[in-house]
């Protein structure tokens, strides 16, 4: 499920920040997380739009 993927990636990002990993790694994880969150909201928004039309 998309929500689970977001939680896992967020945890991985936070751990990387805490461990002082290279900026390139942190940035890459951050971009991936942003993309997952955008997908989540786009998917959720479409569901709500369909429900409003019905």
C-alpha atoms as a PDB file:
ATOM      1  CA  UNK A   1       0.000   0.000   0.000  1.00  0.00           C
ATOM      2  CA  UNK A   2       1.218   3.485  -0.830  1.00  0.00           C
ATOM      3  CA  UNK A   3       0.859   4.710   2.738  1.00  0.00           C
ATOM      4  CA  UNK A   4       3.149   1.933   3.984  1.00  0.00           C
ATOM      5  CA  UNK A   5       5.758   2.802   1.351  1.00  0.00           C
ATOM      6  CA  UNK A   6       5.655   6.438   2.461  1.00  0.00           C
ATOM      7  CA  UNK A   7       6.203   5.479   6.107  1.00  0.00           C
ATOM      8  CA  UNK A   8       9.121   3.181   5.279  1.00  0.00           C
ATOM      9  CA  UNK A   9      10.824   5.741   3.074  1.00  0.00           C
ATOM     10  CA  UNK A  10      10.275   8.509   5.631  1.00  0.00           C
ATOM     11  CA  UNK A  11      11.928   6.339   8.281  1.00  0.00           C
ATOM     12  CA  UNK A  12      14.832   5.603   5.938  1.00  0.00           C
ATOM     13  CA  UNK A  13      15.246   9.319   5.218  1.00  0.00           C
ATOM     14  CA  UNK A  14      15.173  10.237   8.893  1.00  0.00           C
ATOM     15  CA  UNK A  15      17.721   7.546   9.725  1.00  0.00           C
ATOM     16  CA  UNK A  16      20.012   8.794   6.946  1.00  0.00           C
ATOM     17  CA  UNK A  17      19.804  12.335   8.315  1.00  0.00           C
ATOM     18  CA  UNK A  18      20.503  11.173  11.877  1.00  0.00           C
ATOM     19  CA  UNK A  19      23.512   9.156  10.713  1.00  0.00           C
ATOM     20  CA  UNK A  20      24.912  12.110   8.766  1.00  0.00           C
ATOM     21  CA  UNK A  21      24.836  10.343   5.417  1.00  0.00           C
ATOM     22  CA  UNK A  22      26.041  12.096   2.278  1.00  0.00           C
ATOM     23  CA  UNK A  23      23.822  14.937   1.067  1.00  0.00           C
ATOM     24  CA  UNK A  24      23.262  13.250  -2.310  1.00  0.00           C
ATOM     25  CA  UNK A  25      21.723  10.215  -0.598  1.00  0.00           C
ATOM     26  CA  UNK A  26      19.487  12.348   1.626  1.00  0.00           C
ATOM     27  CA  UNK A  27      18.407  14.477  -1.323  1.00  0.00           C
ATOM     28  CA  UNK A  28      17.574  11.402  -3.432  1.00  0.00           C
ATOM     29  CA  UNK A  29      15.485   9.900  -0.624  1.00  0.00           C
ATOM     30  CA  UNK A  30      13.722  13.219  -0.112  1.00  0.00           C
ATOM     31  CA  UNK A  31      12.793  13.443  -3.796  1.00  0.00           C
ATOM     32  CA  UNK A  32      11.511   9.861  -3.778  1.00  0.00           C
ATOM     33  CA  UNK A  33       9.419  10.611  -0.701  1.00  0.00           C
ATOM     34  CA  UNK A  34       7.982  13.752  -2.297  1.00  0.00           C
ATOM     35  CA  UNK A  35       6.989  11.734  -5.362  1.00  0.00           C
ATOM     36  CA  UNK A  36       5.261   9.072  -3.268  1.00  0.00           C
ATOM     37  CA  UNK A  37       3.379  11.711  -1.280  1.00  0.00           C
ATOM     38  CA  UNK A  38       2.276  13.437  -4.490  1.00  0.00           C
ATOM     39  CA  UNK A  39       1.068  10.093  -5.861  1.00  0.00           C
ATOM     40  CA  UNK A  40      -0.829   9.446  -2.637  1.00  0.00           C
ATOM     41  CA  UNK A  41      -2.624  12.792  -2.777  1.00  0.00           C
ATOM     42  CA  UNK A  42      -3.335  12.542  -6.499  1.00  0.00           C
ATOM     43  CA  UNK A  43      -4.853   9.103  -6.013  1.00  0.00           C
ATOM     44  CA  UNK A  44      -6.835  10.222  -2.951  1.00  0.00           C
ATOM     45  CA  UNK A  45      -8.029  13.367  -4.725  1.00  0.00           C
ATOM     46  CA  UNK A  46      -9.327  11.355  -7.666  1.00  0.00           C
ATOM     47  CA  UNK A  47     -11.288   9.097  -5.319  1.00  0.00           C
ATOM     48  CA  UNK A  48     -12.924  12.099  -3.670  1.00  0.00           C
ATOM     49  CA  UNK A  49     -13.773  13.652  -7.032  1.00  0.00           C
ATOM     50  CA  UNK A  50     -15.461  10.428  -8.167  1.00  0.00           C
ATOM     51  CA  UNK A  51     -17.392  10.208  -4.916  1.00  0.00           C
ATOM     52  CA  UNK A  52     -18.621  13.803  -5.311  1.00  0.00           C
ATOM     53  CA  UNK A  53     -19.803  13.140  -8.876  1.00  0.00           C
ATOM     54  CA  UNK A  54     -21.685   9.967  -7.956  1.00  0.00           C
END
